[in-house]
Amino acid sequence: MLLEINNLFFSHNPNKPLFQNLNLRFEENRIIALAGESGMGNLRFSI
């Protein structure tokens, strides 16, 4: 394992969380993509 994130909370508006208690685990030599609707600020990175 290279990176682990536990209990992530993220919101632009405190009453409407985008992520709540999100747990992520990133392994080595993987490509990770967080995708949404077009124009939503999609993210892709490799570890």
N, C-alpha and C. Protein backbone atom coordinates (compact mmCIF):
# COMPACT_ATOMS: atom_id res chain seq x y z
N MET A 1 0.85 -1.18 0.00
CA MET A 1 0.00 0.00 0.00
C MET A 1 0.89 1.24 0.00
N LEU A 2 0.49 2.23 -0.78
CA LEU A 2 1.26 3.46 -0.88
C LEU A 2 0.61 4.61 -0.14
N LEU A 3 -0.73 4.72 -0.22
CA LEU A 3 -1.44 5.84 0.41
C LEU A 3 -2.81 5.38 0.87
N GLU A 4 -3.19 5.78 2.09
CA GLU A 4 -4.51 5.46 2.61
C GLU A 4 -5.11 6.73 3.22
N ILE A 5 -6.39 6.99 2.92
CA ILE A 5 -7.12 8.14 3.44
C ILE A 5 -8.35 7.59 4.15
N ASN A 6 -8.56 8.02 5.40
CA ASN A 6 -9.68 7.52 6.19
C ASN A 6 -10.59 8.65 6.63
N ASN A 7 -11.89 8.40 6.57
CA ASN A 7 -12.92 9.31 7.07
C ASN A 7 -12.84 10.71 6.48
N LEU A 8 -12.65 10.79 5.18
CA LEU A 8 -12.55 12.08 4.48
C LEU A 8 -13.93 12.73 4.41
N PHE A 9 -13.98 14.01 4.74
CA PHE A 9 -15.19 14.82 4.61
C PHE A 9 -14.83 16.01 3.74
N PHE A 10 -15.63 16.28 2.71
CA PHE A 10 -15.39 17.42 1.85
C PHE A 10 -16.72 18.02 1.43
N SER A 11 -16.80 19.35 1.48
CA SER A 11 -18.03 20.02 1.10
C SER A 11 -17.74 21.48 0.76
N HIS A 12 -18.43 22.01 -0.24
CA HIS A 12 -18.41 23.44 -0.52
C HIS A 12 -19.44 24.14 0.37
N ASN A 13 -20.46 23.39 0.75
CA ASN A 13 -21.55 23.88 1.58
C ASN A 13 -21.69 22.92 2.76
N PRO A 14 -21.55 23.39 4.00
CA PRO A 14 -21.59 22.49 5.17
C PRO A 14 -22.87 21.66 5.27
N ASN A 15 -23.95 22.13 4.68
CA ASN A 15 -25.22 21.40 4.76
C ASN A 15 -25.40 20.40 3.63
N LYS A 16 -24.43 20.33 2.71
CA LYS A 16 -24.55 19.44 1.56
C LYS A 16 -23.18 18.83 1.24
N PRO A 17 -22.75 17.84 2.02
CA PRO A 17 -21.42 17.25 1.80
C PRO A 17 -21.31 16.50 0.47
N LEU A 18 -20.15 16.65 -0.16
CA LEU A 18 -19.86 15.89 -1.37
C LEU A 18 -19.32 14.52 -1.01
N PHE A 19 -18.44 14.47 0.00
CA PHE A 19 -17.90 13.22 0.53
C PHE A 19 -18.07 13.26 2.04
N GLN A 20 -18.50 12.14 2.61
CA GLN A 20 -18.65 12.05 4.06
C GLN A 20 -18.21 10.66 4.49
N ASN A 21 -17.22 10.58 5.38
CA ASN A 21 -16.67 9.31 5.86
C ASN A 21 -16.17 8.44 4.71
N LEU A 22 -15.50 9.04 3.74
CA LEU A 22 -14.97 8.33 2.59
C LEU A 22 -13.61 7.73 2.94
N ASN A 23 -13.42 6.46 2.64
CA ASN A 23 -12.16 5.77 2.87
C ASN A 23 -11.58 5.35 1.53
N LEU A 24 -10.32 5.71 1.29
CA LEU A 24 -9.65 5.38 0.04
C LEU A 24 -8.33 4.69 0.34
N ARG A 25 -7.99 3.74 -0.51
CA ARG A 25 -6.71 3.04 -0.37
C ARG A 25 -6.10 2.93 -1.76
N PHE A 26 -4.92 3.49 -1.93
CA PHE A 26 -4.25 3.51 -3.22
C PHE A 26 -3.04 2.57 -3.18
N GLU A 27 -3.02 1.63 -4.09
CA GLU A 27 -1.92 0.68 -4.20
C GLU A 27 -0.90 1.20 -5.21
N GLU A 28 0.29 0.66 -5.18
CA GLU A 28 1.34 1.02 -6.13
C GLU A 28 0.99 0.55 -7.54
N ASN A 29 1.52 1.27 -8.52
CA ASN A 29 1.38 0.91 -9.94
C ASN A 29 -0.07 0.81 -10.40
N ARG A 30 -0.91 1.72 -9.95
CA ARG A 30 -2.32 1.76 -10.33
C ARG A 30 -2.65 3.14 -10.89
N ILE A 31 -3.63 3.20 -11.77
CA ILE A 31 -4.17 4.47 -12.25
C ILE A 31 -5.53 4.65 -11.60
N ILE A 32 -5.73 5.79 -10.97
CA ILE A 32 -6.95 6.07 -10.24
C ILE A 32 -7.68 7.21 -10.93
N ALA A 33 -8.99 7.09 -11.06
CA ALA A 33 -9.79 8.16 -11.66
C ALA A 33 -11.01 8.42 -10.79
N LEU A 34 -11.25 9.68 -10.47
CA LEU A 34 -12.48 10.12 -9.83
C LEU A 34 -13.22 10.92 -10.88
N ALA A 35 -14.32 10.41 -11.35
CA ALA A 35 -15.01 11.02 -12.48
C ALA A 35 -16.44 11.40 -12.12
N GLY A 36 -16.88 12.47 -12.75
CA GLY A 36 -18.26 12.93 -12.58
C GLY A 36 -18.74 13.46 -13.92
N GLU A 37 -19.76 14.28 -13.86
CA GLU A 37 -20.30 14.86 -15.08
C GLU A 37 -19.27 15.80 -15.71
N SER A 38 -19.38 16.01 -17.00
CA SER A 38 -18.47 16.89 -17.71
C SER A 38 -18.47 18.28 -17.08
N GLY A 39 -17.26 18.81 -16.87
CA GLY A 39 -17.13 20.14 -16.29
C GLY A 39 -17.16 20.18 -14.78
N MET A 40 -17.22 19.02 -14.14
CA MET A 40 -17.31 18.96 -12.68
C MET A 40 -15.94 18.94 -12.00
N GLY A 41 -14.86 19.02 -12.76
CA GLY A 41 -13.53 18.99 -12.16
C GLY A 41 -13.04 17.59 -11.92
N ASN A 42 -13.18 16.72 -12.90
CA ASN A 42 -12.75 15.33 -12.78
C ASN A 42 -11.25 15.26 -12.54
N LEU A 43 -10.81 14.18 -11.92
CA LEU A 43 -9.43 14.03 -11.51
C LEU A 43 -8.92 12.65 -11.89
N ARG A 44 -7.70 12.59 -12.43
CA ARG A 44 -7.06 11.32 -12.71
C ARG A 44 -5.58 11.46 -12.38
N PHE A 45 -5.04 10.48 -11.70
CA PHE A 45 -3.62 10.48 -11.39
C PHE A 45 -3.13 9.05 -11.30
N SER A 46 -1.84 8.87 -11.45
CA SER A 46 -1.27 7.53 -11.32
C SER A 46 -0.26 7.52 -10.19
N ILE A 47 -0.17 6.37 -9.53
CA ILE A 47 0.76 6.20 -8.41
C ILE A 47 1.76 5.14 -8.80
